[in-house]
PDB file of all heavy atoms in Angstrom:
ATOM      1  N   GLN A   1      -9.203  31.598 -11.309  1.00  0.00           N
ATOM      2  CA  GLN A   1      -8.765  30.377 -11.976  1.00  0.00           C
ATOM      3  C   GLN A   1      -7.240  30.287 -11.996  1.00  0.00           C
ATOM      4  O   GLN A   1      -6.664  29.205 -11.817  1.00  0.00           O
ATOM      5  CB  GLN A   1      -9.323  30.321 -13.398  1.00  0.00           C
ATOM      6  CG  GLN A   1     -10.838  30.123 -13.420  1.00  0.00           C
ATOM      7  CD  GLN A   1     -11.407  30.191 -14.820  1.00  0.00           C
ATOM      8  OE1 GLN A   1     -11.383  29.203 -15.553  1.00  0.00           O
ATOM      9  NE2 GLN A   1     -11.944  31.351 -15.199  1.00  0.00           N
ATOM     10  N   HIS A   2      -6.587  31.404 -12.219  1.00  0.00           N
ATOM     11  CA  HIS A   2      -5.124  31.418 -12.204  1.00  0.00           C
ATOM     12  C   HIS A   2      -4.587  30.976 -10.847  1.00  0.00           C
ATOM     13  O   HIS A   2      -3.664  30.153 -10.754  1.00  0.00           O
ATOM     14  CB  HIS A   2      -4.617  32.832 -12.538  1.00  0.00           C
ATOM     15  CG  HIS A   2      -3.141  32.983 -12.433  1.00  0.00           C
ATOM     16  ND1 HIS A   2      -2.522  33.469 -11.290  1.00  0.00           N
ATOM     17  CD2 HIS A   2      -2.149  32.709 -13.308  1.00  0.00           C
ATOM     18  CE1 HIS A   2      -1.222  33.481 -11.474  1.00  0.00           C
ATOM     19  NE2 HIS A   2      -0.960  33.034 -12.691  1.00  0.00           N
ATOM     20  N   GLU A   3      -5.156  31.495  -9.774  1.00  0.00           N
ATOM     21  CA  GLU A   3      -4.685  31.092  -8.448  1.00  0.00           C
ATOM     22  C   GLU A   3      -4.967  29.622  -8.202  1.00  0.00           C
ATOM     23  O   GLU A   3      -4.120  28.901  -7.650  1.00  0.00           O
ATOM     24  CB  GLU A   3      -5.330  31.950  -7.361  1.00  0.00           C
ATOM     25  CG  GLU A   3      -4.837  31.583  -5.970  1.00  0.00           C
ATOM     26  CD  GLU A   3      -5.074  32.665  -4.934  1.00  0.00           C
ATOM     27  OE1 GLU A   3      -5.590  33.756  -5.284  1.00  0.00           O
ATOM     28  OE2 GLU A   3      -4.715  32.433  -3.763  1.00  0.00           O
ATOM     29  N   ALA A   4      -6.137  29.152  -8.623  1.00  0.00           N
ATOM     30  CA  ALA A   4      -6.472  27.736  -8.443  1.00  0.00           C
ATOM     31  C   ALA A   4      -5.496  26.838  -9.189  1.00  0.00           C
ATOM     32  O   ALA A   4      -5.098  25.772  -8.693  1.00  0.00           O
ATOM     33  CB  ALA A   4      -7.899  27.478  -8.917  1.00  0.00           C
ATOM     34  N   GLN A   5      -5.079  27.258 -10.385  1.00  0.00           N
ATOM     35  CA  GLN A   5      -4.125  26.462 -11.148  1.00  0.00           C
ATOM     36  C   GLN A   5      -2.761  26.431 -10.464  1.00  0.00           C
ATOM     37  O   GLN A   5      -2.088  25.384 -10.440  1.00  0.00           O
ATOM     38  CB  GLN A   5      -4.013  27.022 -12.565  1.00  0.00           C
ATOM     39  CG  GLN A   5      -5.259  26.750 -13.407  1.00  0.00           C
ATOM     40  CD  GLN A   5      -5.251  27.521 -14.722  1.00  0.00           C
ATOM     41  OE1 GLN A   5      -5.076  28.739 -14.753  1.00  0.00           O
ATOM     42  NE2 GLN A   5      -5.438  26.815 -15.813  1.00  0.00           N
ATOM     43  N   HIS A   6      -2.343  27.550  -9.877  1.00  0.00           N
ATOM     44  CA  HIS A   6      -1.072  27.541  -9.153  1.00  0.00           C
ATOM     45  C   HIS A   6      -1.192  26.797  -7.829  1.00  0.00           C
ATOM     46  O   HIS A   6      -0.200  26.223  -7.356  1.00  0.00           O
ATOM     47  CB  HIS A   6      -0.559  28.966  -8.955  1.00  0.00           C
ATOM     48  CG  HIS A   6       0.190  29.452 -10.149  1.00  0.00           C
ATOM     49  ND1 HIS A   6       1.542  29.230 -10.326  1.00  0.00           N
ATOM     50  CD2 HIS A   6      -0.230  30.104 -11.260  1.00  0.00           C
ATOM     51  CE1 HIS A   6       1.921  29.743 -11.484  1.00  0.00           C
ATOM     52  NE2 HIS A   6       0.865  30.278 -12.074  1.00  0.00           N
ATOM     53  N   ASP A   7      -2.359  26.772  -7.240  1.00  0.00           N
ATOM     54  CA  ASP A   7      -2.550  25.926  -6.066  1.00  0.00           C
ATOM     55  C   ASP A   7      -2.302  24.469  -6.434  1.00  0.00           C
ATOM     56  O   ASP A   7      -1.671  23.719  -5.675  1.00  0.00           O
ATOM     57  CB  ASP A   7      -3.978  26.085  -5.516  1.00  0.00           C
ATOM     58  CG  ASP A   7      -4.189  27.393  -4.800  1.00  0.00           C
ATOM     59  OD1 ASP A   7      -3.197  28.066  -4.443  1.00  0.00           O
ATOM     60  OD2 ASP A   7      -5.372  27.769  -4.589  1.00  0.00           O
ATOM     61  N   GLU A   8      -2.800  24.066  -7.601  1.00  0.00           N
ATOM     62  CA  GLU A   8      -2.580  22.692  -8.040  1.00  0.00           C
ATOM     63  C   GLU A   8      -1.102  22.436  -8.318  1.00  0.00           C
ATOM     64  O   GLU A   8      -0.572  21.365  -8.011  1.00  0.00           O
ATOM     65  CB  GLU A   8      -3.420  22.399  -9.279  1.00  0.00           C
ATOM     66  CG  GLU A   8      -3.441  20.936  -9.649  1.00  0.00           C
ATOM     67  CD  GLU A   8      -4.364  20.621 -10.802  1.00  0.00           C
ATOM     68  OE1 GLU A   8      -4.899  21.563 -11.437  1.00  0.00           O
ATOM     69  OE2 GLU A   8      -4.548  19.429 -11.083  1.00  0.00           O
ATOM     70  N   THR A   9      -0.424  23.436  -8.883  1.00  0.00           N
ATOM     71  CA  THR A   9       1.011  23.311  -9.121  1.00  0.00           C
ATOM     72  C   THR A   9       1.766  23.176  -7.798  1.00  0.00           C
ATOM     73  O   THR A   9       2.678  22.343  -7.661  1.00  0.00           O
ATOM     74  CB  THR A   9       1.527  24.539  -9.892  1.00  0.00           C
ATOM     75  OG1 THR A   9       0.869  24.601 -11.159  1.00  0.00           O
ATOM     76  CG2 THR A   9       3.024  24.458 -10.109  1.00  0.00           C
ATOM     77  N   MET A  10       1.403  23.988  -6.807  1.00  0.00           N
ATOM     78  CA  MET A  10       2.056  23.881  -5.504  1.00  0.00           C
ATOM     79  C   MET A  10       1.759  22.536  -4.851  1.00  0.00           C
ATOM     80  O   MET A  10       2.615  21.963  -4.161  1.00  0.00           O
ATOM     81  CB  MET A  10       1.620  25.037  -4.606  1.00  0.00           C
ATOM     82  CG  MET A  10       2.168  26.387  -5.041  1.00  0.00           C
ATOM     83  SD  MET A  10       1.907  27.727  -3.838  1.00  0.00           S
ATOM     84  CE  MET A  10       0.140  27.996  -4.002  1.00  0.00           C
ATOM     85  N   LEU A  11       0.561  22.019  -5.071  1.00  0.00           N
ATOM     86  CA  LEU A  11       0.216  20.707  -4.530  1.00  0.00           C
ATOM     87  C   LEU A  11       1.097  19.630  -5.147  1.00  0.00           C
ATOM     88  O   LEU A  11       1.558  18.718  -4.453  1.00  0.00           O
ATOM     89  CB  LEU A  11      -1.262  20.417  -4.796  1.00  0.00           C
ATOM     90  CG  LEU A  11      -1.837  19.143  -4.184  1.00  0.00           C
ATOM     91  CD1 LEU A  11      -1.804  19.199  -2.667  1.00  0.00           C
ATOM     92  CD2 LEU A  11      -3.265  18.921  -4.670  1.00  0.00           C
ATOM     93  N   ALA A  12       1.363  19.740  -6.453  1.00  0.00           N
ATOM     94  CA  ALA A  12       2.272  18.799  -7.101  1.00  0.00           C
ATOM     95  C   ALA A  12       3.680  18.903  -6.515  1.00  0.00           C
ATOM     96  O   ALA A  12       4.378  17.886  -6.358  1.00  0.00           O
ATOM     97  CB  ALA A  12       2.303  19.048  -8.600  1.00  0.00           C
ATOM     98  N   THR A  13       4.103  20.111  -6.166  1.00  0.00           N
ATOM     99  CA  THR A  13       5.409  20.277  -5.535  1.00  0.00           C
ATOM    100  C   THR A  13       5.419  19.641  -4.149  1.00  0.00           C
ATOM    101  O   THR A  13       6.422  19.036  -3.734  1.00  0.00           O
ATOM    102  CB  THR A  13       5.780  21.767  -5.451  1.00  0.00           C
ATOM    103  OG1 THR A  13       5.678  22.351  -6.751  1.00  0.00           O
ATOM    104  CG2 THR A  13       7.195  21.953  -4.938  1.00  0.00           C
ATOM    105  N   HIS A  14       4.330  19.761  -3.409  1.00  0.00           N
ATOM    106  CA  HIS A  14       4.206  19.064  -2.126  1.00  0.00           C
ATOM    107  C   HIS A  14       4.431  17.567  -2.310  1.00  0.00           C
ATOM    108  O   HIS A  14       5.100  16.913  -1.505  1.00  0.00           O
ATOM    109  CB  HIS A  14       2.812  19.285  -1.537  1.00  0.00           C
ATOM    110  CG  HIS A  14       2.698  20.465  -0.624  1.00  0.00           C
ATOM    111  ND1 HIS A  14       2.857  20.364   0.739  1.00  0.00           N
ATOM    112  CD2 HIS A  14       2.426  21.775  -0.875  1.00  0.00           C
ATOM    113  CE1 HIS A  14       2.690  21.558   1.298  1.00  0.00           C
ATOM    114  NE2 HIS A  14       2.426  22.433   0.337  1.00  0.00           N
ATOM    115  N   GLN A  15       3.848  17.004  -3.363  1.00  0.00           N
ATOM    116  CA  GLN A  15       3.991  15.576  -3.609  1.00  0.00           C
ATOM    117  C   GLN A  15       5.432  15.209  -3.945  1.00  0.00           C
ATOM    118  O   GLN A  15       5.907  14.124  -3.596  1.00  0.00           O
ATOM    119  CB  GLN A  15       3.049  15.158  -4.743  1.00  0.00           C
ATOM    120  CG  GLN A  15       3.211  13.746  -5.260  1.00  0.00           C
ATOM    121  CD  GLN A  15       2.833  12.676  -4.254  1.00  0.00           C
ATOM    122  OE1 GLN A  15       2.361  12.952  -3.154  1.00  0.00           O
ATOM    123  NE2 GLN A  15       3.069  11.423  -4.616  1.00  0.00           N
ATOM    124  N   LEU A  16       6.166  16.111  -4.590  1.00  0.00           N
ATOM    125  CA  LEU A  16       7.546  15.848  -4.982  1.00  0.00           C
ATOM    126  C   LEU A  16       8.553  16.050  -3.851  1.00  0.00           C
ATOM    127  O   LEU A  16       9.671  15.546  -3.916  1.00  0.00           O
ATOM    128  CB  LEU A  16       7.930  16.743  -6.163  1.00  0.00           C
ATOM    129  CG  LEU A  16       7.322  16.377  -7.518  1.00  0.00           C
ATOM    130  CD1 LEU A  16       7.431  17.558  -8.479  1.00  0.00           C
ATOM    131  CD2 LEU A  16       8.000  15.140  -8.096  1.00  0.00           C
ATOM    132  N   ARG A  17       8.188  16.823  -2.827  1.00  0.00           N
ATOM    133  CA  ARG A  17       9.148  17.158  -1.784  1.00  0.00           C
ATOM    134  C   ARG A  17       9.472  15.944  -0.919  1.00  0.00           C
ATOM    135  O   ARG A  17       8.657  15.041  -0.733  1.00  0.00           O
ATOM    136  CB  ARG A  17       8.635  18.301  -0.887  1.00  0.00           C
ATOM    137  CG  ARG A  17       7.392  17.943  -0.099  1.00  0.00           C
ATOM    138  CD  ARG A  17       6.916  19.099   0.787  1.00  0.00           C
ATOM    139  NE  ARG A  17       7.705  19.211   1.985  1.00  0.00           N
ATOM    140  CZ  ARG A  17       7.472  18.513   3.102  1.00  0.00           C
ATOM    141  NH1 ARG A  17       6.462  17.650   3.166  1.00  0.00           N
ATOM    142  NH2 ARG A  17       8.227  18.695   4.163  1.00  0.00           N
ATOM    143  N   ASP A  18      10.688  15.931  -0.401  1.00  0.00           N
ATOM    144  CA  ASP A  18      11.085  14.908   0.569  1.00  0.00           C
ATOM    145  C   ASP A  18      10.657  15.353   1.962  1.00  0.00           C
ATOM    146  O   ASP A  18      10.468  16.536   2.223  1.00  0.00           O
ATOM    147  CB  ASP A  18      12.605  14.713   0.534  1.00  0.00           C
ATOM    148  CG  ASP A  18      13.081  14.128  -0.776  1.00  0.00           C
ATOM    149  OD1 ASP A  18      12.344  13.308  -1.352  1.00  0.00           O
ATOM    150  OD2 ASP A  18      14.179  14.508  -1.222  1.00  0.00           O
ATOM    151  N   GLY A  19      10.547  14.379   2.851  1.00  0.00           N
ATOM    152  CA  GLY A  19      10.210  14.728   4.225  1.00  0.00           C
ATOM    153  C   GLY A  19       8.849  14.217   4.632  1.00  0.00           C
ATOM    154  O   GLY A  19       8.079  13.696   3.816  1.00  0.00           O
ATOM    155  N   PRO A  20       8.509  14.382   5.902  1.00  0.00           N
ATOM    156  CA  PRO A  20       7.229  13.877   6.409  1.00  0.00           C
ATOM    157  C   PRO A  20       6.046  14.634   5.840  1.00  0.00           C
ATOM    158  O   PRO A  20       6.175  15.772   5.373  1.00  0.00           O
ATOM    159  CB  PRO A  20       7.345  14.096   7.930  1.00  0.00           C
ATOM    160  CG  PRO A  20       8.326  15.224   8.062  1.00  0.00           C
ATOM    161  CD  PRO A  20       9.306  15.043   6.946  1.00  0.00           C
ATOM    162  N   SER A  21       4.906  14.005   5.894  1.00  0.00           N
ATOM    163  CA  SER A  21       3.684  14.613   5.386  1.00  0.00           C
ATOM    164  C   SER A  21       3.295  15.847   6.207  1.00  0.00           C
ATOM    165  O   SER A  21       3.408  15.846   7.436  1.00  0.00           O
ATOM    166  CB  SER A  21       2.536  13.602   5.432  1.00  0.00           C
ATOM    167  OG  SER A  21       1.328  14.193   5.038  1.00  0.00           O
ATOM    168  N   VAL A  22       2.862  16.890   5.534  1.00  0.00           N
ATOM    169  CA  VAL A  22       2.354  18.078   6.217  1.00  0.00           C
ATOM    170  C   VAL A  22       0.905  18.359   5.835  1.00  0.00           C
ATOM    171  O   VAL A  22       0.282  19.269   6.382  1.00  0.00           O
ATOM    172  CB  VAL A  22       3.221  19.319   5.911  1.00  0.00           C
ATOM    173  CG1 VAL A  22       4.625  19.136   6.448  1.00  0.00           C
ATOM    174  CG2 VAL A  22       3.247  19.629   4.411  1.00  0.00           C
ATOM    175  N   LEU A  23       0.374  17.588   4.882  1.00  0.00           N
ATOM    176  CA  LEU A  23      -1.020  17.739   4.467  1.00  0.00           C
ATOM    177  C   LEU A  23      -1.812  16.528   4.944  1.00  0.00           C
ATOM    178  O   LEU A  23      -1.334  15.394   4.867  1.00  0.00           O
ATOM    179  CB  LEU A  23      -1.130  17.845   2.943  1.00  0.00           C
ATOM    180  CG  LEU A  23      -0.425  19.026   2.276  1.00  0.00           C
ATOM    181  CD1 LEU A  23      -0.526  18.899   0.763  1.00  0.00           C
ATOM    182  CD2 LEU A  23      -1.022  20.345   2.740  1.00  0.00           C
ATOM    183  N   THR A  24      -3.004  16.771   5.423  1.00  0.00           N
ATOM    184  CA  THR A  24      -3.857  15.683   5.884  1.00  0.00           C
ATOM    185  C   THR A  24      -5.261  15.855   5.333  1.00  0.00           C
ATOM    186  O   THR A  24      -5.711  16.967   5.066  1.00  0.00           O
ATOM    187  CB  THR A  24      -3.930  15.630   7.420  1.00  0.00           C
ATOM    188  OG1 THR A  24      -4.461  16.880   7.901  1.00  0.00           O
ATOM    189  CG2 THR A  24      -2.551  15.392   8.024  1.00  0.00           C
ATOM    190  N   ALA A  25      -5.930  14.734   5.155  1.00  0.00           N
ATOM    191  CA  ALA A  25      -7.331  14.737   4.726  1.00  0.00           C
ATOM    192  C   ALA A  25      -7.894  13.350   4.993  1.00  0.00           C
ATOM    193  O   ALA A  25      -7.153  12.370   5.085  1.00  0.00           O
ATOM    194  CB  ALA A  25      -7.459  15.086   3.239  1.00  0.00           C
ATOM    195  N   GLN A  26      -9.201  13.274   5.097  1.00  0.00           N
ATOM    196  CA  GLN A  26      -9.826  11.981   5.307  1.00  0.00           C
ATOM    197  C   GLN A  26      -9.753  11.156   4.032  1.00  0.00           C
ATOM    198  O   GLN A  26      -9.560  11.679   2.937  1.00  0.00           O
ATOM    199  CB  GLN A  26     -11.283  12.147   5.728  1.00  0.00           C
ATOM    200  CG  GLN A  26     -12.160  12.799   4.671  1.00  0.00           C
ATOM    201  CD  GLN A  26     -13.545  13.107   5.186  1.00  0.00           C
ATOM    202  OE1 GLN A  26     -13.709  13.844   6.133  1.00  0.00           O
ATOM    203  NE2 GLN A  26     -14.549  12.538   4.539  1.00  0.00           N
ATOM    204  N   ARG A  27      -9.887   9.847   4.173  1.00  0.00           N
ATOM    205  CA  ARG A  27      -9.922   8.951   3.023  1.00  0.00           C
ATOM    206  C   ARG A  27     -11.264   9.063   2.313  1.00  0.00           C
ATOM    207  O   ARG A  27     -12.290   9.322   2.950  1.00  0.00           O
ATOM    208  CB  ARG A  27      -9.716   7.510   3.474  1.00  0.00           C
ATOM    209  CG  ARG A  27      -8.316   7.232   3.994  1.00  0.00           C
ATOM    210  CD  ARG A  27      -7.386   6.889   2.849  1.00  0.00           C
ATOM    211  NE  ARG A  27      -6.065   6.535   3.323  1.00  0.00           N
ATOM    212  CZ  ARG A  27      -5.089   6.069   2.538  1.00  0.00           C
ATOM    213  NH1 ARG A  27      -5.317   5.932   1.245  1.00  0.00           N
ATOM    214  NH2 ARG A  27      -3.917   5.783   3.030  1.00  0.00           N
ATOM    215  N   PRO A  28     -11.298   8.837   1.003  1.00  0.00           N
ATOM    216  CA  PRO A  28     -12.598   8.810   0.329  1.00  0.00           C
ATOM    217  C   PRO A  28     -13.462   7.685   0.872  1.00  0.00           C
ATOM    218  O   PRO A  28     -12.948   6.633   1.269  1.00  0.00           O
ATOM    219  CB  PRO A  28     -12.232   8.558  -1.141  1.00  0.00           C
ATOM    220  CG  PRO A  28     -10.790   8.899  -1.259  1.00  0.00           C
ATOM    221  CD  PRO A  28     -10.187   8.607   0.079  1.00  0.00           C
ATOM    222  N   PRO A  29     -14.763   7.872   0.904  1.00  0.00           N
ATOM    223  CA  PRO A  29     -15.645   6.791   1.333  1.00  0.00           C
ATOM    224  C   PRO A  29     -15.687   5.686   0.289  1.00  0.00           C
ATOM    225  O   PRO A  29     -15.228   5.877  -0.844  1.00  0.00           O
ATOM    226  CB  PRO A  29     -17.003   7.491   1.456  1.00  0.00           C
ATOM    227  CG  PRO A  29     -16.923   8.643   0.506  1.00  0.00           C
ATOM    228  CD  PRO A  29     -15.495   9.097   0.547  1.00  0.00           C
ATOM    229  N   PRO A  30     -16.227   4.522   0.640  1.00  0.00           N
ATOM    230  CA  PRO A  30     -16.360   3.444  -0.353  1.00  0.00           C
ATOM    231  C   PRO A  30     -17.221   3.880  -1.534  1.00  0.00           C
ATOM    232  O   PRO A  30     -18.021   4.816  -1.431  1.00  0.00           O
ATOM    233  CB  PRO A  30     -17.039   2.316   0.443  1.00  0.00           C
ATOM    234  CG  PRO A  30     -16.769   2.638   1.872  1.00  0.00           C
ATOM    235  CD  PRO A  30     -16.711   4.130   1.964  1.00  0.00           C
ATOM    236  N   ALA A  31     -17.043   3.196  -2.643  1.00  0.00           N
ATOM    237  CA  ALA A  31     -17.819   3.514  -3.841  1.00  0.00           C
ATOM    238  C   ALA A  31     -19.312   3.382  -3.571  1.00  0.00           C
ATOM    239  O   ALA A  31     -19.754   2.524  -2.805  1.00  0.00           O
ATOM    240  CB  ALA A  31     -17.406   2.601  -4.990  1.00  0.00           C
ATOM    241  N   ALA A  32     -20.085   4.247  -4.215  1.00  0.00           N
ATOM    242  CA  ALA A  32     -21.537   4.228  -4.028  1.00  0.00           C
ATOM    243  C   ALA A  32     -22.204   3.092  -4.787  1.00  0.00           C
ATOM    244  O   ALA A  32     -23.268   2.617  -4.396  1.00  0.00           O
ATOM    245  CB  ALA A  32     -22.120   5.569  -4.465  1.00  0.00           C
ATOM    246  N   ILE A  33     -21.580   2.688  -5.893  1.00  0.00           N
ATOM    247  CA  ILE A  33     -22.117   1.572  -6.672  1.00  0.00           C
ATOM    248  C   ILE A  33     -20.990   0.604  -6.995  1.00  0.00           C
ATOM    249  O   ILE A  33     -19.819   0.967  -7.011  1.00  0.00           O
ATOM    250  CB  ILE A  33     -22.789   2.042  -7.979  1.00  0.00           C
ATOM    251  CG1 ILE A  33     -21.767   2.735  -8.891  1.00  0.00           C
ATOM    252  CG2 ILE A  33     -23.968   2.951  -7.698  1.00  0.00           C
ATOM    253  CD1 ILE A  33     -22.300   3.023 -10.288  1.00  0.00           C
TER     254      ILE A  33
END
């Protein structure tokens, strides 16, 4: 859990950093309802 929480902290730092995107993921699908 500690590592998972720091992963989230590092992810927030990724969002704050300047520069081009280095993380990729597919878009969420449309809502089910």
